[in-house]
């Protein structure tokens, strides 16, 4: 048998070393021994990264914030808030019953209105021009849409020769009713600070 030439022997030794070294590297490679220095540029692509394995903290600061794109078209305006949706209604004069009327002078006249949230408010200093107030006197009537869903009892200022307190009821049919209070000739009853929801 013919002996191999020297170049052939060197080539075979080189081949065995190369194969042996690769096998050694695959089998004996220590954990975490491959870093960015050992990787070729662009060797790791998105296809080689397990989904959801890269967290926000793994990204560079510029990648975390991202770049802002151009501003999009303006969308339609949303509904306004309750406080801005409508102005408070103007005061509307009360419809008096019998001889009930405004007290007069510098005092506010009897009136009602709703605020922007839909709550009804009353105001005004009232008096009975003929006779004296009696329990159950209907002072005025509120229109539909300004009436409570149930009967409400309110303390109210009132008096004549002395200041007293009165009780005023507002009922679902819209009646504002005098229940108790001053019953002298120079009577007065205030509706200020009376407010309620309609439902």
Protein backbone atom coordinates (compact mmCIF):
# COMPACT_ATOMS: atom_id res chain seq x y z
CA UNK A 1 0.00 0.00 0.00
CA UNK A 2 1.26 3.45 -0.93
CA UNK A 3 1.98 5.79 1.99
CA UNK A 4 0.01 9.08 1.99
CA UNK A 5 1.95 12.15 1.14
CA UNK A 6 2.83 14.77 3.73
CA UNK A 7 0.27 17.34 2.45
CA UNK A 8 -2.42 14.68 2.61
CA UNK A 9 -1.53 13.85 6.23
CA UNK A 10 -1.60 17.55 7.19
CA UNK A 11 -4.98 17.98 5.48
CA UNK A 12 -6.45 15.00 7.33
CA UNK A 13 -5.10 16.23 10.69
CA UNK A 14 -6.55 19.67 10.05
CA UNK A 15 -9.93 18.13 9.15
CA UNK A 16 -10.02 15.98 12.29
CA UNK A 17 -9.08 18.92 14.50
CA UNK A 18 -11.74 21.08 12.90
CA UNK A 19 -14.43 18.43 13.32
CA UNK A 20 -13.31 17.61 16.82
CA UNK A 21 -13.25 21.26 17.83
CA UNK A 22 -16.84 21.83 16.53
CA UNK A 23 -18.11 18.79 18.35
CA UNK A 24 -16.37 19.93 21.50
CA UNK A 25 -17.89 23.38 21.21
CA UNK A 26 -21.40 21.94 20.77
CA UNK A 27 -21.09 19.48 23.61
CA UNK A 28 -18.94 21.37 26.12
CA UNK A 29 -20.00 25.03 25.54
CA UNK A 30 -20.48 26.61 28.99
CA UNK A 31 -23.79 28.35 29.80
CA UNK A 32 -23.94 32.12 29.11
CA UNK A 33 -20.56 32.00 27.34
CA UNK A 34 -21.88 33.48 24.09
CA UNK A 35 -22.36 37.24 24.17
CA UNK A 36 -22.78 40.07 21.69
CA UNK A 37 -19.05 39.89 20.87
CA UNK A 38 -19.38 36.31 19.56
CA UNK A 39 -22.49 37.05 17.48
CA UNK A 40 -22.23 38.31 13.93
CA UNK A 41 -24.02 41.52 13.03
CA UNK A 42 -27.71 40.95 12.19
CA UNK A 43 -27.41 37.28 13.23
CA UNK A 44 -30.44 37.52 15.57
CA UNK A 45 -33.65 38.33 13.72
CA UNK A 46 -37.19 38.75 14.99
CA UNK A 47 -38.06 35.27 13.69
CA UNK A 48 -35.46 33.78 16.08
CA UNK A 49 -36.84 35.55 19.19
CA UNK A 50 -39.52 33.76 21.19
CA UNK A 51 -42.78 35.80 21.28
CA UNK A 52 -43.19 37.99 24.41
CA UNK A 53 -39.69 37.10 25.62
CA UNK A 54 -38.42 40.70 25.28
CA UNK A 55 -39.73 43.07 27.94
CA UNK A 56 -39.91 46.85 28.05
CA UNK A 57 -36.86 46.98 30.33
CA UNK A 58 -34.81 45.12 27.66
CA UNK A 59 -35.29 47.96 25.17
CA UNK A 60 -33.17 51.06 24.84
CA UNK A 61 -34.63 54.33 26.20
CA UNK A 62 -35.35 55.57 22.68
CA UNK A 63 -37.16 52.34 21.81
CA UNK A 64 -39.26 52.54 25.01
CA UNK A 65 -40.68 55.93 24.22
CA UNK A 66 -40.95 55.31 20.50
CA UNK A 67 -41.20 57.98 17.90
CA UNK A 68 -44.37 60.01 17.56
CA UNK A 69 -46.03 59.86 14.18
CA UNK A 70 -47.91 62.68 12.49
CA UNK A 71 -51.06 63.99 14.18
CA UNK A 72 -54.22 62.32 12.92
CA UNK A 73 -57.48 63.93 11.95
CA UNK A 74 -59.52 65.54 14.73
CA UNK A 75 -62.44 63.37 15.83
CA UNK A 76 -65.97 64.56 16.52
CA UNK A 77 -66.56 66.50 19.73
CA UNK A 78 -67.89 64.47 22.65
CA UNK A 79 -70.91 65.43 24.75
CA UNK A 80 -70.44 68.37 27.07
CA UNK A 81 -70.46 67.85 30.83
CA UNK A 82 -73.54 68.62 32.89
CA UNK A 83 -72.11 71.90 34.15
CA UNK A 84 -71.42 73.14 30.63
CA UNK A 85 -74.28 71.54 28.71
CA UNK A 86 -76.83 74.21 29.46
CA UNK A 87 -77.03 77.55 31.18
CA UNK A 88 -79.17 77.87 34.29
CA UNK A 89 -82.73 78.76 33.38
CA UNK A 90 -84.01 82.27 34.02
CA UNK A 91 -86.36 82.72 36.96
CA UNK A 92 -90.03 82.19 36.06
CA UNK A 93 -92.82 83.94 37.96
CA UNK A 94 -95.00 81.77 40.20
CA UNK A 95 -98.71 81.35 39.46
CA UNK A 96 -100.28 82.49 42.75
CA UNK A 97 -103.52 81.08 44.14
CA UNK A 98 -106.19 83.12 45.93
CA UNK A 99 -104.90 86.27 47.62
CA UNK A 100 -101.29 85.12 47.86
CA UNK A 101 -98.88 87.53 46.20
CA UNK A 102 -95.39 88.98 46.39
CA UNK A 103 -94.56 90.79 49.64
CA UNK A 104 -93.12 93.66 47.61
CA UNK A 105 -90.50 96.25 48.44
CA UNK A 106 -86.86 95.30 47.97
CA UNK A 107 -87.53 91.59 48.41
CA UNK A 108 -87.28 88.92 45.71
CA UNK A 109 -90.50 88.02 43.94
CA UNK A 110 -91.92 84.50 43.97
CA UNK A 111 -90.27 82.48 41.22
CA UNK A 112 -88.92 79.05 40.25
CA UNK A 113 -86.32 77.58 37.91
CA UNK A 114 -84.17 74.50 37.22
CA UNK A 115 -80.42 74.50 37.45
CA UNK A 116 -78.10 72.83 34.93
CA UNK A 117 -78.44 69.47 36.71
CA UNK A 118 -82.26 69.56 36.62
CA UNK A 119 -82.94 70.46 40.26
CA UNK A 120 -85.85 72.86 40.91
CA UNK A 121 -85.28 75.94 43.09
CA UNK A 122 -87.82 78.35 44.58
CA UNK A 123 -87.34 81.89 45.81
CA UNK A 124 -89.27 84.97 46.94
CA UNK A 125 -90.98 86.57 49.91
CA UNK A 126 -94.74 86.00 49.79
CA UNK A 127 -97.68 87.41 51.71
CA UNK A 128 -101.44 86.86 51.86
CA UNK A 129 -103.07 90.17 50.92
CA UNK A 130 -106.55 89.34 52.23
CA UNK A 131 -107.16 87.48 55.46
CA UNK A 132 -104.58 85.47 57.33
CA UNK A 133 -102.80 82.25 56.31
CA UNK A 134 -104.43 79.03 57.44
CA UNK A 135 -103.10 75.50 57.33
CA UNK A 136 -103.66 74.01 53.90
CA UNK A 137 -103.59 77.33 52.02
CA UNK A 138 -102.30 76.76 48.48
CA UNK A 139 -99.90 79.62 47.82
CA UNK A 140 -98.95 78.86 44.20
CA UNK A 141 -98.88 76.02 41.68
CA UNK A 142 -95.83 74.80 39.76
CA UNK A 143 -96.25 73.66 36.15
CA UNK A 144 -95.62 70.14 34.90
CA UNK A 145 -91.93 69.35 34.72
CA UNK A 146 -91.22 71.35 37.90
CA UNK A 147 -93.12 69.16 40.34
CA UNK A 148 -91.66 66.65 42.82
CA UNK A 149 -92.38 62.94 42.57
CA UNK A 150 -93.44 62.87 46.24
CA UNK A 151 -94.46 65.26 49.00
CA UNK A 152 -91.67 67.38 50.50
CA UNK A 153 -91.78 69.32 53.77
CA UNK A 154 -89.60 72.42 54.13
CA UNK A 155 -88.88 74.76 57.03
CA UNK A 156 -89.20 78.35 55.88
CA UNK A 157 -88.74 81.77 57.37
CA UNK A 158 -91.94 83.64 58.17
CA UNK A 159 -93.43 86.08 60.57
CA UNK A 160 -95.28 89.27 61.19
CA UNK A 161 -94.71 91.44 64.20
CA UNK A 162 -92.02 88.89 65.22
CA UNK A 163 -89.90 86.51 63.19
CA UNK A 164 -91.14 82.94 63.23
CA UNK A 165 -90.64 79.78 61.25
CA UNK A 166 -93.15 78.29 58.86
CA UNK A 167 -93.66 74.88 57.27
CA UNK A 168 -94.18 74.76 53.53
CA UNK A 169 -95.11 71.57 51.64
CA UNK A 170 -94.54 70.99 47.92
CA UNK A 171 -96.64 68.13 46.55
CA UNK A 172 -96.65 66.08 43.32
CA UNK A 173 -99.55 68.03 41.78
CA UNK A 174 -97.38 71.17 41.93
CA UNK A 175 -99.10 72.88 44.87
CA UNK A 176 -96.91 74.95 47.20
CA UNK A 177 -98.90 74.79 50.43
CA UNK A 178 -98.72 76.78 53.66
CA UNK A 179 -99.02 74.38 56.61
CA UNK A 180 -97.94 76.33 59.70
CA UNK A 181 -96.36 79.63 60.61
CA UNK A 182 -97.22 83.26 61.27
CA UNK A 183 -100.96 84.00 61.08
CA UNK A 184 -101.01 87.68 61.89
CA UNK A 185 -102.16 90.32 59.44
CA UNK A 186 -98.69 91.51 58.51
CA UNK A 187 -97.57 87.98 57.62
CA UNK A 188 -94.76 87.01 55.29
CA UNK A 189 -93.33 83.66 54.23
CA UNK A 190 -90.13 83.06 52.30
CA UNK A 191 -89.58 80.34 49.73
CA UNK A 192 -85.83 80.90 49.63
CA UNK A 193 -83.67 77.79 50.10
CA UNK A 194 -86.44 75.43 48.93
CA UNK A 195 -85.13 73.04 46.26
CA UNK A 196 -85.93 69.49 45.18
CA UNK A 197 -85.52 66.91 42.41
CA UNK A 198 -88.42 66.19 40.10
CA UNK A 199 -87.94 62.40 40.26
